[in-house]
Amino acid sequence: MSQLKSSKSIKLNNLSAEYDGESVIFNAGKEKAVVAINDNKISKVTHFMDEKEIIVDCPVKNLSIGDRNFQRDVDHFLIKDSHHSNLMRLGQTFHCGDGGTWSSLPHDFENYPEPGFEEFFFYLLSGGSERAIQVGKGMLHDGEEIDNAWIVHHKEFSQIPMGYHPVGGEPDVHVSYIWCYLCTKDEWEKV
């Protein structure tokens, strides 16, 4: 069974990630992103590809999605063609509200789960217990079907299935998470 519990480092077939106490580091073969965090928010992304480096110190796209108890703001740092033909898509999602909020429905392409999709969340939780519940219904990268929920903690990673994967904060917990996935098919674009 694939790794569902949160951890300080994580590895799938083509994507790995670790937290070194200061930065979150995502690796995907010839591509790497070092994410600096300040006050539970991305302050800078240094992206390396084909031995070339770019620095992104502010979001390249901002969205507000959902409403009521599942409203969230999303900052995109690495999108399609942000650095040559990068496969990494990277950003941060912030739940709006006073804590205990949820993220909502899957992206359109995720309604048709298929193997090979690799994504991680790195949780930045504050207030209350600094814990949240990650729900996963769909398919993991290796083709394993999943319909489960697990506890996630502040400054830890979790694998995210293609499909339905809302995050719910415990009472008084403010939820945000850095997400990174490999967009190896055009139809997997989130933006």
Protein backbone atom coordinates (compact mmCIF):
# COMPACT_ATOMS: atom_id res chain seq x y z
CA MET A 1 0.00 0.00 0.00
CA SER A 2 1.23 3.49 -0.83
CA GLN A 3 2.28 5.95 1.86
CA LEU A 4 -0.72 7.90 3.16
CA LYS A 5 0.40 9.10 6.55
CA SER A 6 2.15 12.45 6.71
CA SER A 7 5.93 12.53 6.98
CA LYS A 8 8.98 14.85 6.77
CA SER A 9 10.04 13.38 3.41
CA ILE A 10 8.27 11.44 0.69
CA LYS A 11 9.13 9.73 -2.61
CA LEU A 12 7.12 8.40 -5.53
CA ASN A 13 8.33 7.15 -8.92
CA ASN A 14 9.29 10.54 -10.41
CA LEU A 15 8.67 13.09 -7.65
CA SER A 16 10.22 13.35 -4.21
CA ALA A 17 10.12 15.98 -1.49
CA GLU A 18 11.77 16.78 1.82
CA TYR A 19 11.67 19.46 4.48
CA ASP A 20 15.10 20.42 5.81
CA GLY A 21 13.84 22.63 8.66
CA GLU A 22 14.07 25.81 6.57
CA SER A 23 12.96 25.00 3.03
CA VAL A 24 10.76 22.53 1.21
CA ILE A 25 12.62 20.82 -1.62
CA PHE A 26 10.85 19.09 -4.51
CA ASN A 27 12.85 16.94 -6.95
CA ALA A 28 11.80 15.47 -10.28
CA GLY A 29 14.81 14.27 -12.26
CA LYS A 30 16.29 17.26 -14.08
CA GLU A 31 13.89 19.61 -12.29
CA LYS A 32 14.11 20.89 -8.71
CA ALA A 33 12.27 23.55 -6.70
CA VAL A 34 13.50 24.96 -3.39
CA VAL A 35 10.65 26.70 -1.57
CA ALA A 36 11.48 29.23 1.14
CA ILE A 37 8.78 29.74 3.77
CA ASN A 38 8.25 32.79 5.96
CA ASP A 39 5.37 32.95 8.46
CA ASN A 40 3.68 29.85 6.93
CA LYS A 41 3.72 31.42 3.47
CA ILE A 42 5.90 30.87 0.40
CA SER A 43 8.35 33.76 0.25
CA LYS A 44 10.44 32.54 -2.70
CA VAL A 45 10.69 29.61 -5.09
CA THR A 46 14.06 28.85 -6.67
CA HIS A 47 13.48 26.56 -9.64
CA PHE A 48 16.30 24.65 -11.30
CA MET A 49 15.91 23.04 -14.71
CA ASP A 50 18.57 21.88 -17.14
CA GLU A 51 21.16 23.51 -14.88
CA LYS A 52 19.42 26.89 -15.25
CA GLU A 53 17.94 28.73 -12.28
CA ILE A 54 15.04 31.12 -11.96
CA ILE A 55 13.78 32.82 -8.81
CA VAL A 56 10.09 33.49 -8.32
CA ASP A 57 9.53 35.75 -5.31
CA CYS A 58 5.84 36.47 -5.76
CA PRO A 59 2.89 34.50 -7.15
CA VAL A 60 2.48 34.53 -10.92
CA LYS A 61 -1.25 33.91 -10.61
CA ASN A 62 -3.80 34.30 -7.77
CA LEU A 63 -7.26 32.76 -7.64
CA SER A 64 -10.13 32.79 -5.17
CA ILE A 65 -12.10 29.54 -5.33
CA GLY A 66 -15.24 28.25 -3.64
CA ASP A 67 -17.45 29.96 -1.09
CA ARG A 68 -18.74 29.66 2.46
CA ASN A 69 -16.78 27.17 4.58
CA PHE A 70 -14.79 25.91 1.58
CA GLN A 71 -13.50 29.19 0.18
CA ARG A 72 -9.79 29.38 -0.43
CA ASP A 73 -7.19 31.61 -2.03
CA VAL A 74 -4.62 29.97 -4.29
CA ASP A 75 -1.21 31.38 -5.21
CA HIS A 76 0.53 29.78 -8.22
CA PHE A 77 4.34 30.03 -8.44
CA LEU A 78 5.21 27.48 -11.14
CA ILE A 79 2.73 27.11 -13.99
CA LYS A 80 2.96 25.88 -17.56
CA ASP A 81 5.99 27.35 -19.37
CA SER A 82 7.15 29.38 -16.38
CA HIS A 83 10.66 27.95 -16.89
CA HIS A 84 11.27 26.37 -20.29
CA SER A 85 9.08 23.26 -20.53
CA ASN A 86 8.80 22.63 -16.80
CA LEU A 87 6.62 19.75 -15.62
CA MET A 88 6.40 20.94 -12.02
CA ARG A 89 3.31 22.88 -11.04
CA LEU A 90 3.65 24.46 -7.62
CA GLY A 91 1.68 26.81 -5.42
CA GLN A 92 0.03 27.38 -2.07
CA THR A 93 -3.60 27.15 -1.05
CA PHE A 94 -4.98 29.13 1.90
CA HIS A 95 -8.32 28.25 3.46
CA CYS A 96 -10.36 31.38 4.21
CA GLY A 97 -12.30 31.70 7.45
CA ASP A 98 -11.68 31.27 11.14
CA GLY A 99 -10.46 27.67 11.20
CA GLY A 100 -12.03 24.27 10.80
CA THR A 101 -12.56 24.98 7.08
CA TRP A 102 -12.55 22.58 4.13
CA SER A 103 -11.25 22.63 0.60
CA SER A 104 -13.80 21.53 -1.97
CA LEU A 105 -14.35 19.67 -5.22
CA PRO A 106 -11.64 18.16 -7.47
CA HIS A 107 -10.36 19.82 -10.62
CA ASP A 108 -12.27 18.73 -13.73
CA PHE A 109 -9.51 16.44 -15.01
CA GLU A 110 -9.36 14.65 -11.66
CA ASN A 111 -12.91 13.33 -12.10
CA TYR A 112 -11.36 10.68 -14.36
CA PRO A 113 -8.54 9.19 -12.24
CA GLU A 114 -5.73 7.36 -13.97
CA PRO A 115 -2.36 6.00 -12.85
CA GLY A 116 0.81 8.07 -13.10
CA PHE A 117 -0.40 11.29 -11.44
CA GLU A 118 2.09 12.33 -8.73
CA GLU A 119 1.23 15.09 -6.24
CA PHE A 120 2.20 16.05 -2.69
CA PHE A 121 0.82 18.49 -0.17
CA PHE A 122 3.07 20.08 2.48
CA TYR A 123 0.80 21.29 5.27
CA LEU A 124 1.24 24.61 7.03
CA LEU A 125 -1.26 24.51 9.89
CA SER A 126 -1.65 26.99 12.72
CA GLY A 127 -3.90 27.32 15.76
CA GLY A 128 -5.68 24.65 17.74
CA SER A 129 -4.16 21.18 17.44
CA GLU A 130 -2.21 22.03 14.24
CA ARG A 131 -3.82 18.94 12.71
CA ALA A 132 -6.14 18.40 9.76
CA ILE A 133 -7.90 15.55 8.03
CA GLN A 134 -6.90 14.61 4.50
CA VAL A 135 -9.55 12.76 2.52
CA GLY A 136 -8.57 10.77 -0.55
CA LYS A 137 -10.94 9.10 -3.01
CA GLY A 138 -9.64 8.19 -6.43
CA MET A 139 -6.37 6.69 -7.61
CA LEU A 140 -2.80 6.85 -6.38
CA HIS A 141 0.16 7.17 -8.74
CA ASP A 142 0.67 3.40 -8.90
CA GLY A 143 -2.92 2.67 -9.97
CA GLU A 144 -4.10 1.69 -6.49
CA GLU A 145 -7.67 2.84 -5.86
CA ILE A 146 -8.23 4.67 -2.60
CA ASP A 147 -11.19 5.71 -0.46
CA ASN A 148 -9.71 6.77 2.87
CA ALA A 149 -9.00 9.61 5.31
CA TRP A 150 -5.94 10.24 7.48
CA ILE A 151 -4.59 12.78 9.96
CA VAL A 152 -1.97 15.24 8.71
CA HIS A 153 0.28 17.50 10.78
CA HIS A 154 2.00 20.88 10.55
CA LYS A 155 5.12 20.84 8.32
CA GLU A 156 4.63 17.34 6.96
CA PHE A 157 3.94 15.87 3.51
CA SER A 158 1.25 13.56 2.22
CA GLN A 159 0.70 11.90 -1.13
CA ILE A 160 -2.44 13.16 -2.86
CA PRO A 161 -4.55 10.91 -5.08
CA MET A 162 -5.97 11.93 -8.42
CA GLY A 163 -9.66 12.39 -7.68
CA TYR A 164 -11.41 13.87 -4.65
CA HIS A 165 -8.99 15.06 -1.95
CA PRO A 166 -10.38 17.75 0.37
CA VAL A 167 -8.50 18.86 3.49
CA GLY A 168 -10.48 19.68 6.62
CA GLY A 169 -8.99 21.58 9.52
CA GLU A 170 -9.82 20.53 13.07
CA PRO A 171 -11.63 23.19 15.15
CA ASP A 172 -9.65 26.47 15.31
CA VAL A 173 -6.98 25.17 12.89
CA HIS A 174 -6.11 27.49 10.02
CA VAL A 175 -5.16 25.41 6.97
CA SER A 176 -2.77 26.17 4.17
CA TYR A 177 -0.65 23.81 2.13
CA ILE A 178 2.00 23.93 -0.54
CA TRP A 179 1.15 21.66 -3.44
CA CYS A 180 3.42 20.30 -6.11
CA TYR A 181 2.56 17.90 -8.90
CA LEU A 182 4.00 16.75 -12.21
CA CYS A 183 1.94 17.75 -15.23
CA THR A 184 3.02 15.05 -17.68
CA LYS A 185 -0.18 15.33 -19.75
CA ASP A 186 -1.71 18.51 -21.17
CA GLU A 187 -5.12 17.64 -19.73
CA TRP A 188 -3.64 17.70 -16.21
CA GLU A 189 -3.27 21.49 -16.16
CA LYS A 190 -4.96 23.12 -13.16
CA VAL A 191 -4.75 26.67 -14.51
